[in-house]
Amino acid sequence: MAKYSKKAGNKVEKVMHEKKEGTLKSGSGKTVTSRKQAIAIGLSEARKEGAKVPKKASPKKAAKKAAPKKAAKKASPKKASPKKVAKKSS
């Protein structure tokens, strides 16, 4: 589990409060409605202030952390039933 500083936790708490009030804006100026986006904004601001926040995961590492997908079974060629073989030969 990632370790966050108290400063980062406080920053996220303030940003979540802004989101709840409806005053939190994203970079494009639109109001933020997503909880995840609000947390990301809070951590980003904490990083800029020098708080202890783990680095963002790169796309490659994030893909590795995701649950492994089930291996697709190779489809074995189906054998024709004896009835169909008999009809084809007629």
PDB file of N, CA and C in Angstrom:
ATOM      1  N   MET A   1       0.840  -1.172   0.000  1.00  0.00           N
ATOM      2  CA  MET A   1       0.000   0.000   0.000  1.00  0.00           C
ATOM      3  C   MET A   1       0.888   1.240   0.000  1.00  0.00           C
ATOM      4  N   ALA A   2       0.480   2.253  -0.726  1.00  0.00           N
ATOM      5  CA  ALA A   2       1.263   3.472  -0.844  1.00  0.00           C
ATOM      6  C   ALA A   2       1.188   4.274   0.454  1.00  0.00           C
ATOM      7  N   LYS A   3       2.288   4.951   0.772  1.00  0.00           N
ATOM      8  CA  LYS A   3       2.350   5.775   1.976  1.00  0.00           C
ATOM      9  C   LYS A   3       2.244   7.249   1.584  1.00  0.00           C
ATOM     10  N   TYR A   4       1.253   7.935   2.160  1.00  0.00           N
ATOM     11  CA  TYR A   4       1.050   9.342   1.895  1.00  0.00           C
ATOM     12  C   TYR A   4       1.330  10.133   3.165  1.00  0.00           C
ATOM     13  N   SER A   5       1.834  11.351   2.992  1.00  0.00           N
ATOM     14  CA  SER A   5       2.113  12.199   4.148  1.00  0.00           C
ATOM     15  C   SER A   5       0.819  12.829   4.656  1.00  0.00           C
ATOM     16  N   LYS A   6       0.883  13.372   5.864  1.00  0.00           N
ATOM     17  CA  LYS A   6      -0.295  14.048   6.429  1.00  0.00           C
ATOM     18  C   LYS A   6      -0.660  15.263   5.587  1.00  0.00           C
ATOM     19  N   LYS A   7       0.361  15.921   5.065  1.00  0.00           N
ATOM     20  CA  LYS A   7       0.137  17.108   4.230  1.00  0.00           C
ATOM     21  C   LYS A   7      -0.684  16.723   2.985  1.00  0.00           C
ATOM     22  N   ALA A   8      -0.344  15.570   2.395  1.00  0.00           N
ATOM     23  CA  ALA A   8      -1.074  15.106   1.214  1.00  0.00           C
ATOM     24  C   ALA A   8      -2.508  14.759   1.583  1.00  0.00           C
ATOM     25  N   GLY A   9      -2.676  14.103   2.742  1.00  0.00           N
ATOM     26  CA  GLY A   9      -4.022  13.741   3.198  1.00  0.00           C
ATOM     27  C   GLY A   9      -4.880  14.969   3.443  1.00  0.00           C
ATOM     28  N   ASN A  10      -4.282  15.995   4.037  1.00  0.00           N
ATOM     29  CA  ASN A  10      -5.022  17.239   4.292  1.00  0.00           C
ATOM     30  C   ASN A  10      -5.416  17.918   2.988  1.00  0.00           C
ATOM     31  N   LYS A  11      -4.508  17.889   2.030  1.00  0.00           N
ATOM     32  CA  LYS A  11      -4.789  18.532   0.736  1.00  0.00           C
ATOM     33  C   LYS A  11      -5.944  17.831   0.031  1.00  0.00           C
ATOM     34  N   VAL A  12      -5.924  16.494   0.043  1.00  0.00           N
ATOM     35  CA  VAL A  12      -7.005  15.725  -0.589  1.00  0.00           C
ATOM     36  C   VAL A  12      -8.322  16.000   0.133  1.00  0.00           C
ATOM     37  N   GLU A  13      -8.258  16.099   1.463  1.00  0.00           N
ATOM     38  CA  GLU A  13      -9.468  16.382   2.241  1.00  0.00           C
ATOM     39  C   GLU A  13     -10.074  17.728   1.843  1.00  0.00           C
ATOM     40  N   LYS A  14      -9.228  18.748   1.688  1.00  0.00           N
ATOM     41  CA  LYS A  14      -9.711  20.073   1.285  1.00  0.00           C
ATOM     42  C   LYS A  14     -10.324  20.043  -0.117  1.00  0.00           C
ATOM     43  N   VAL A  15      -9.663  19.316  -1.018  1.00  0.00           N
ATOM     44  CA  VAL A  15     -10.158  19.232  -2.397  1.00  0.00           C
ATOM     45  C   VAL A  15     -11.498  18.498  -2.437  1.00  0.00           C
ATOM     46  N   MET A  16     -11.635  17.446  -1.623  1.00  0.00           N
ATOM     47  CA  MET A  16     -12.901  16.706  -1.574  1.00  0.00           C
ATOM     48  C   MET A  16     -14.028  17.594  -1.052  1.00  0.00           C
ATOM     49  N   HIS A  17     -13.690  18.462  -0.095  1.00  0.00           N
ATOM     50  CA  HIS A  17     -14.680  19.403   0.428  1.00  0.00           C
ATOM     51  C   HIS A  17     -15.119  20.375  -0.676  1.00  0.00           C
ATOM     52  N   GLU A  18     -14.162  20.851  -1.456  1.00  0.00           N
ATOM     53  CA  GLU A  18     -14.482  21.752  -2.575  1.00  0.00           C
ATOM     54  C   GLU A  18     -15.386  21.041  -3.593  1.00  0.00           C
ATOM     55  N   LYS A  19     -15.091  19.776  -3.851  1.00  0.00           N
ATOM     56  CA  LYS A  19     -15.892  19.006  -4.799  1.00  0.00           C
ATOM     57  C   LYS A  19     -17.331  18.899  -4.297  1.00  0.00           C
ATOM     58  N   LYS A  20     -17.460  18.628  -2.999  1.00  0.00           N
ATOM     59  CA  LYS A  20     -18.786  18.477  -2.410  1.00  0.00           C
ATOM     60  C   LYS A  20     -19.585  19.774  -2.497  1.00  0.00           C
ATOM     61  N   GLU A  21     -18.879  20.905  -2.333  1.00  0.00           N
ATOM     62  CA  GLU A  21     -19.533  22.211  -2.440  1.00  0.00           C
ATOM     63  C   GLU A  21     -19.858  22.566  -3.887  1.00  0.00           C
ATOM     64  N   GLY A  22     -19.134  21.933  -4.829  1.00  0.00           N
ATOM     65  CA  GLY A  22     -19.353  22.227  -6.242  1.00  0.00           C
ATOM     66  C   GLY A  22     -18.477  23.343  -6.764  1.00  0.00           C
ATOM     67  N   THR A  23     -17.397  23.664  -6.034  1.00  0.00           N
ATOM     68  CA  THR A  23     -16.526  24.758  -6.458  1.00  0.00           C
ATOM     69  C   THR A  23     -15.205  24.265  -7.051  1.00  0.00           C
ATOM     70  N   LEU A  24     -14.977  22.957  -7.049  1.00  0.00           N
ATOM     71  CA  LEU A  24     -13.731  22.412  -7.585  1.00  0.00           C
ATOM     72  C   LEU A  24     -13.785  22.387  -9.103  1.00  0.00           C
ATOM     73  N   LYS A  25     -12.782  22.974  -9.724  1.00  0.00           N
ATOM     74  CA  LYS A  25     -12.718  23.031 -11.187  1.00  0.00           C
ATOM     75  C   LYS A  25     -11.507  22.248 -11.677  1.00  0.00           C
ATOM     76  N   SER A  26     -11.654  21.644 -12.843  1.00  0.00           N
ATOM     77  CA  SER A  26     -10.522  20.943 -13.461  1.00  0.00           C
ATOM     78  C   SER A  26      -9.706  21.950 -14.260  1.00  0.00           C
ATOM     79  N   GLY A  27      -8.657  21.484 -14.902  1.00  0.00           N
ATOM     80  CA  GLY A  27      -7.797  22.371 -15.679  1.00  0.00           C
ATOM     81  C   GLY A  27      -8.522  23.061 -16.817  1.00  0.00           C
ATOM     82  N   SER A  28      -9.540  22.405 -17.361  1.00  0.00           N
ATOM     83  CA  SER A  28     -10.280  22.994 -18.475  1.00  0.00           C
ATOM     84  C   SER A  28     -11.329  23.993 -18.000  1.00  0.00           C
ATOM     85  N   GLY A  29     -11.527  24.066 -16.668  1.00  0.00           N
ATOM     86  CA  GLY A  29     -12.488  25.028 -16.133  1.00  0.00           C
ATOM     87  C   GLY A  29     -13.843  24.424 -15.832  1.00  0.00           C
ATOM     88  N   LYS A  30     -14.036  23.149 -16.146  1.00  0.00           N
ATOM     89  CA  LYS A  30     -15.317  22.496 -15.878  1.00  0.00           C
ATOM     90  C   LYS A  30     -15.367  22.034 -14.428  1.00  0.00           C
ATOM     91  N   THR A  31     -16.566  21.963 -13.878  1.00  0.00           N
ATOM     92  CA  THR A  31     -16.737  21.513 -12.507  1.00  0.00           C
ATOM     93  C   THR A  31     -16.462  20.019 -12.418  1.00  0.00           C
ATOM     94  N   VAL A  32     -15.722  19.627 -11.410  1.00  0.00           N
ATOM     95  CA  VAL A  32     -15.373  18.222 -11.209  1.00  0.00           C
ATOM     96  C   VAL A  32     -16.519  17.525 -10.484  1.00  0.00           C
ATOM     97  N   THR A  33     -16.963  16.377 -11.014  1.00  0.00           N
ATOM     98  CA  THR A  33     -18.016  15.600 -10.378  1.00  0.00           C
ATOM     99  C   THR A  33     -17.527  14.221  -9.965  1.00  0.00           C
ATOM    100  N   SER A  34     -16.408  13.787 -10.511  1.00  0.00           N
ATOM    101  CA  SER A  34     -15.880  12.459 -10.238  1.00  0.00           C
ATOM    102  C   SER A  34     -15.022  12.456  -8.971  1.00  0.00           C
ATOM    103  N   ARG A  35     -15.276  11.493  -8.076  1.00  0.00           N
ATOM    104  CA  ARG A  35     -14.507  11.343  -6.855  1.00  0.00           C
ATOM    105  C   ARG A  35     -13.048  11.052  -7.163  1.00  0.00           C
ATOM    106  N   LYS A  36     -12.818  10.180  -8.130  1.00  0.00           N
ATOM    107  CA  LYS A  36     -11.450   9.811  -8.497  1.00  0.00           C
ATOM    108  C   LYS A  36     -10.682  11.003  -9.055  1.00  0.00           C
ATOM    109  N   GLN A  37     -11.359  11.815  -9.849  1.00  0.00           N
ATOM    110  CA  GLN A  37     -10.704  12.983 -10.422  1.00  0.00           C
ATOM    111  C   GLN A  37     -10.349  13.984  -9.318  1.00  0.00           C
ATOM    112  N   ALA A  38     -11.229  14.123  -8.337  1.00  0.00           N
ATOM    113  CA  ALA A  38     -10.960  15.043  -7.233  1.00  0.00           C
ATOM    114  C   ALA A  38      -9.741  14.582  -6.435  1.00  0.00           C
ATOM    115  N   ILE A  39      -9.642  13.283  -6.195  1.00  0.00           N
ATOM    116  CA  ILE A  39      -8.489  12.745  -5.463  1.00  0.00           C
ATOM    117  C   ILE A  39      -7.208  12.978  -6.255  1.00  0.00           C
ATOM    118  N   ALA A  40      -7.284  12.760  -7.571  1.00  0.00           N
ATOM    119  CA  ALA A  40      -6.113  12.967  -8.424  1.00  0.00           C
ATOM    120  C   ALA A  40      -5.665  14.426  -8.387  1.00  0.00           C
ATOM    121  N   ILE A  41      -6.600  15.345  -8.378  1.00  0.00           N
ATOM    122  CA  ILE A  41      -6.272  16.767  -8.312  1.00  0.00           C
ATOM    123  C   ILE A  41      -5.610  17.089  -6.968  1.00  0.00           C
ATOM    124  N   GLY A  42      -6.152  16.531  -5.885  1.00  0.00           N
ATOM    125  CA  GLY A  42      -5.583  16.759  -4.559  1.00  0.00           C
ATOM    126  C   GLY A  42      -4.166  16.239  -4.441  1.00  0.00           C
ATOM    127  N   LEU A  43      -3.919  15.028  -4.953  1.00  0.00           N
ATOM    128  CA  LEU A  43      -2.569  14.465  -4.901  1.00  0.00           C
ATOM    129  C   LEU A  43      -1.606  15.249  -5.774  1.00  0.00           C
ATOM    130  N   SER A  44      -2.085  15.711  -6.913  1.00  0.00           N
ATOM    131  CA  SER A  44      -1.245  16.496  -7.808  1.00  0.00           C
ATOM    132  C   SER A  44      -0.827  17.803  -7.143  1.00  0.00           C
ATOM    133  N   GLU A  45      -1.778  18.466  -6.497  1.00  0.00           N
ATOM    134  CA  GLU A  45      -1.466  19.720  -5.807  1.00  0.00           C
ATOM    135  C   GLU A  45      -0.510  19.473  -4.636  1.00  0.00           C
ATOM    136  N   ALA A  46      -0.697  18.355  -3.936  1.00  0.00           N
ATOM    137  CA  ALA A  46       0.189  18.023  -2.813  1.00  0.00           C
ATOM    138  C   ALA A  46       1.604  17.774  -3.322  1.00  0.00           C
ATOM    139  N   ARG A  47       1.717  17.115  -4.467  1.00  0.00           N
ATOM    140  CA  ARG A  47       3.027  16.858  -5.078  1.00  0.00           C
ATOM    141  C   ARG A  47       3.740  18.174  -5.380  1.00  0.00           C
ATOM    142  N   LYS A  48       2.983  19.128  -5.934  1.00  0.00           N
ATOM    143  CA  LYS A  48       3.563  20.431  -6.280  1.00  0.00           C
ATOM    144  C   LYS A  48       4.054  21.173  -5.040  1.00  0.00           C
ATOM    145  N   GLU A  49       3.380  20.964  -3.900  1.00  0.00           N
ATOM    146  CA  GLU A  49       3.768  21.619  -2.656  1.00  0.00           C
ATOM    147  C   GLU A  49       4.911  20.889  -1.956  1.00  0.00           C
ATOM    148  N   GLY A  50       5.320  19.743  -2.498  1.00  0.00           N
ATOM    149  CA  GLY A  50       6.445  19.019  -1.930  1.00  0.00           C
ATOM    150  C   GLY A  50       6.076  17.966  -0.910  1.00  0.00           C
ATOM    151  N   ALA A  51       4.807  17.585  -0.840  1.00  0.00           N
ATOM    152  CA  ALA A  51       4.390  16.562   0.107  1.00  0.00           C
ATOM    153  C   ALA A  51       4.869  15.193  -0.357  1.00  0.00           C
ATOM    154  N   LYS A  52       4.952  14.253   0.591  1.00  0.00           N
ATOM    155  CA  LYS A  52       5.398  12.908   0.264  1.00  0.00           C
ATOM    156  C   LYS A  52       4.232  12.149  -0.376  1.00  0.00           C
ATOM    157  N   VAL A  53       4.311  12.016  -1.688  1.00  0.00           N
ATOM    158  CA  VAL A  53       3.278  11.320  -2.454  1.00  0.00           C
ATOM    159  C   VAL A  53       3.986  10.399  -3.432  1.00  0.00           C
ATOM    160  N   PRO A  54       3.601   9.116  -3.502  1.00  0.00           N
ATOM    161  CA  PRO A  54       4.243   8.212  -4.456  1.00  0.00           C
ATOM    162  C   PRO A  54       4.098   8.713  -5.886  1.00  0.00           C
ATOM    163  N   LYS A  55       5.046   8.321  -6.731  1.00  0.00           N
ATOM    164  CA  LYS A  55       5.010   8.734  -8.129  1.00  0.00           C
ATOM    165  C   LYS A  55       3.798   8.137  -8.827  1.00  0.00           C
ATOM    166  N   LYS A  56       3.379   8.815  -9.883  1.00  0.00           N
ATOM    167  CA  LYS A  56       2.281   8.293 -10.687  1.00  0.00           C
ATOM    168  C   LYS A  56       2.742   7.001 -11.347  1.00  0.00           C
ATOM    169  N   ALA A  57       1.843   6.031 -11.472  1.00  0.00           N
ATOM    170  CA  ALA A  57       2.183   4.765 -12.125  1.00  0.00           C
ATOM    171  C   ALA A  57       2.229   4.990 -13.628  1.00  0.00           C
ATOM    172  N   SER A  58       3.274   4.446 -14.259  1.00  0.00           N
ATOM    173  CA  SER A  58       3.357   4.559 -15.707  1.00  0.00           C
ATOM    174  C   SER A  58       2.356   3.585 -16.321  1.00  0.00           C
ATOM    175  N   PRO A  59       1.930   3.795 -17.558  1.00  0.00           N
ATOM    176  CA  PRO A  59       0.950   2.905 -18.174  1.00  0.00           C
ATOM    177  C   PRO A  59       1.386   1.438 -18.192  1.00  0.00           C
ATOM    178  N   LYS A  60       2.680   1.185 -18.370  1.00  0.00           N
ATOM    179  CA  LYS A  60       3.164  -0.198 -18.401  1.00  0.00           C
ATOM    180  C   LYS A  60       3.017  -0.848 -17.036  1.00  0.00           C
ATOM    181  N   LYS A  61       3.385  -0.122 -15.971  1.00  0.00           N
ATOM    182  CA  LYS A  61       3.288  -0.682 -14.634  1.00  0.00           C
ATOM    183  C   LYS A  61       1.836  -0.868 -14.224  1.00  0.00           C
ATOM    184  N   ALA A  62       0.978   0.047 -14.629  1.00  0.00           N
ATOM    185  CA  ALA A  62      -0.435  -0.062 -14.280  1.00  0.00           C
ATOM    186  C   ALA A  62      -1.048  -1.288 -14.941  1.00  0.00           C
ATOM    187  N   ALA A  63      -0.613  -1.593 -16.149  1.00  0.00           N
ATOM    188  CA  ALA A  63      -1.142  -2.756 -16.851  1.00  0.00           C
ATOM    189  C   ALA A  63      -0.688  -4.043 -16.172  1.00  0.00           C
ATOM    190  N   LYS A  64       0.535  -4.047 -15.641  1.00  0.00           N
ATOM    191  CA  LYS A  64       1.043  -5.240 -14.956  1.00  0.00           C
ATOM    192  C   LYS A  64       0.321  -5.474 -13.641  1.00  0.00           C
ATOM    193  N   LYS A  65      -0.060  -4.384 -12.963  1.00  0.00           N
ATOM    194  CA  LYS A  65      -0.731  -4.515 -11.679  1.00  0.00           C
ATOM    195  C   LYS A  65      -2.174  -4.996 -11.844  1.00  0.00           C
ATOM    196  N   ALA A  66      -2.762  -4.777 -12.997  1.00  0.00           N
ATOM    197  CA  ALA A  66      -4.130  -5.199 -13.231  1.00  0.00           C
ATOM    198  C   ALA A  66      -4.206  -6.722 -13.157  1.00  0.00           C
ATOM    199  N   ALA A  67      -5.375  -7.192 -12.814  1.00  0.00           N
ATOM    200  CA  ALA A  67      -5.553  -8.643 -12.686  1.00  0.00           C
ATOM    201  C   ALA A  67      -5.261  -9.313 -14.022  1.00  0.00           C
ATOM    202  N   PRO A  68      -4.512 -10.411 -13.985  1.00  0.00           N
ATOM    203  CA  PRO A  68      -4.197 -11.087 -15.253  1.00  0.00           C
ATOM    204  C   PRO A  68      -5.459 -11.661 -15.879  1.00  0.00           C
ATOM    205  N   LYS A  69      -5.553 -11.510 -17.168  1.00  0.00           N
ATOM    206  CA  LYS A  69      -6.716 -12.013 -17.890  1.00  0.00           C
ATOM    207  C   LYS A  69      -6.580 -13.520 -18.050  1.00  0.00           C
ATOM    208  N   LYS A  70      -7.718 -14.160 -18.126  1.00  0.00           N
ATOM    209  CA  LYS A  70      -7.698 -15.609 -18.314  1.00  0.00           C
ATOM    210  C   LYS A  70      -7.148 -15.915 -19.695  1.00  0.00           C
ATOM    211  N   ALA A  71      -6.327 -16.932 -19.760  1.00  0.00           N
ATOM    212  CA  ALA A  71      -5.740 -17.324 -21.038  1.00  0.00           C
ATOM    213  C   ALA A  71      -6.841 -17.883 -21.931  1.00  0.00           C
ATOM    214  N   ALA A  72      -6.870 -17.402 -23.144  1.00  0.00           N
ATOM    215  CA  ALA A  72      -7.881 -17.868 -24.084  1.00  0.00           C
ATOM    216  C   ALA A  72      -7.540 -19.293 -24.500  1.00  0.00           C
ATOM    217  N   LYS A  73      -8.532 -20.141 -24.450  1.00  0.00           N
ATOM    218  CA  LYS A  73      -8.307 -21.522 -24.867  1.00  0.00           C
ATOM    219  C   LYS A  73      -8.277 -21.567 -26.382  1.00  0.00           C
ATOM    220  N   LYS A  74      -7.359 -22.344 -26.892  1.00  0.00           N
ATOM    221  CA  LYS A  74      -7.290 -22.485 -28.336  1.00  0.00           C
ATOM    222  C   LYS A  74      -8.450 -23.373 -28.778  1.00  0.00           C
ATOM    223  N   ALA A  75      -9.162 -22.907 -29.763  1.00  0.00           N
ATOM    224  CA  ALA A  75     -10.299 -23.676 -30.266  1.00  0.00           C
ATOM    225  C   ALA A  75      -9.777 -24.840 -31.092  1.00  0.00           C
ATOM    226  N   SER A  76     -10.131 -26.027 -30.662  1.00  0.00           N
ATOM    227  CA  SER A  76      -9.697 -27.193 -31.424  1.00  0.00           C
ATOM    228  C   SER A  76     -10.673 -27.402 -32.575  1.00  0.00           C
ATOM    229  N   PRO A  77     -10.165 -27.806 -33.723  1.00  0.00           N
ATOM    230  CA  PRO A  77     -11.064 -27.994 -34.851  1.00  0.00           C
ATOM    231  C   PRO A  77     -12.063 -29.101 -34.531  1.00  0.00           C
ATOM    232  N   LYS A  78     -13.325 -28.791 -34.772  1.00  0.00           N
ATOM    233  CA  LYS A  78     -14.371 -29.765 -34.473  1.00  0.00           C
ATOM    234  C   LYS A  78     -14.398 -30.825 -35.560  1.00  0.00           C
ATOM    235  N   LYS A  79     -14.611 -32.027 -35.123  1.00  0.00           N
ATOM    236  CA  LYS A  79     -14.711 -33.122 -36.075  1.00  0.00           C
ATOM    237  C   LYS A  79     -16.147 -33.182 -36.574  1.00  0.00           C
ATOM    238  N   ALA A  80     -16.314 -33.467 -37.827  1.00  0.00           N
ATOM    239  CA  ALA A  80     -17.645 -33.575 -38.398  1.00  0.00           C
ATOM    240  C   ALA A  80     -18.304 -34.846 -37.879  1.00  0.00           C
ATOM    241  N   SER A  81     -19.589 -34.733 -37.600  1.00  0.00           N
ATOM    242  CA  SER A  81     -20.295 -35.907 -37.098  1.00  0.00           C
ATOM    243  C   SER A  81     -20.446 -36.924 -38.233  1.00  0.00           C
ATOM    244  N   PRO A  82     -20.575 -38.211 -37.901  1.00  0.00           N
ATOM    245  CA  PRO A  82     -20.690 -39.244 -38.948  1.00  0.00           C
ATOM    246  C   PRO A  82     -21.868 -39.005 -39.892  1.00  0.00           C
ATOM    247  N   LYS A  83     -22.951 -38.427 -39.374  1.00  0.00           N
ATOM    248  CA  LYS A  83     -24.114 -38.195 -40.230  1.00  0.00           C
ATOM    249  C   LYS A  83     -23.784 -37.160 -41.300  1.00  0.00           C
ATOM    250  N   LYS A  84     -23.080 -36.084 -40.910  1.00  0.00           N
ATOM    251  CA  LYS A  84     -22.749 -35.034 -41.872  1.00  0.00           C
ATOM    252  C   LYS A  84     -21.738 -35.538 -42.892  1.00  0.00           C
ATOM    253  N   VAL A  85     -20.822 -36.394 -42.456  1.00  0.00           N
ATOM    254  CA  VAL A  85     -19.839 -36.959 -43.381  1.00  0.00           C
ATOM    255  C   VAL A  85     -20.560 -37.815 -44.403  1.00  0.00           C
ATOM    256  N   ALA A  86     -21.523 -38.569 -43.968  1.00  0.00           N
ATOM    257  CA  ALA A  86     -22.273 -39.458 -44.874  1.00  0.00           C
ATOM    258  C   ALA A  86     -23.070 -38.628 -45.886  1.00  0.00           C
ATOM    259  N   LYS A  87     -23.643 -37.520 -45.451  1.00  0.00           N
ATOM    260  CA  LYS A  87     -24.418 -36.680 -46.376  1.00  0.00           C
ATOM    261  C   LYS A  87     -23.522 -36.020 -47.394  1.00  0.00           C
ATOM    262  N   LYS A  88     -22.331 -35.619 -46.984  1.00  0.00           N
ATOM    263  CA  LYS A  88     -21.416 -34.950 -47.914  1.00  0.00           C
ATOM    264  C   LYS A  88     -20.946 -35.892 -49.011  1.00  0.00           C
ATOM    265  N   SER A  89     -20.751 -37.148 -48.673  1.00  0.00           N
ATOM    266  CA  SER A  89     -20.253 -38.096 -49.665  1.00  0.00           C
ATOM    267  C   SER A  89     -21.331 -38.521 -50.654  1.00  0.00           C
ATOM    268  N   SER A  90     -22.592 -38.267 -50.365  1.00  0.00           N
ATOM    269  CA  SER A  90     -23.677 -38.686 -51.259  1.00  0.00           C
ATOM    270  C   SER A  90     -23.744 -37.862 -52.505  1.00  0.00           C
TER     271      SER A  90
END
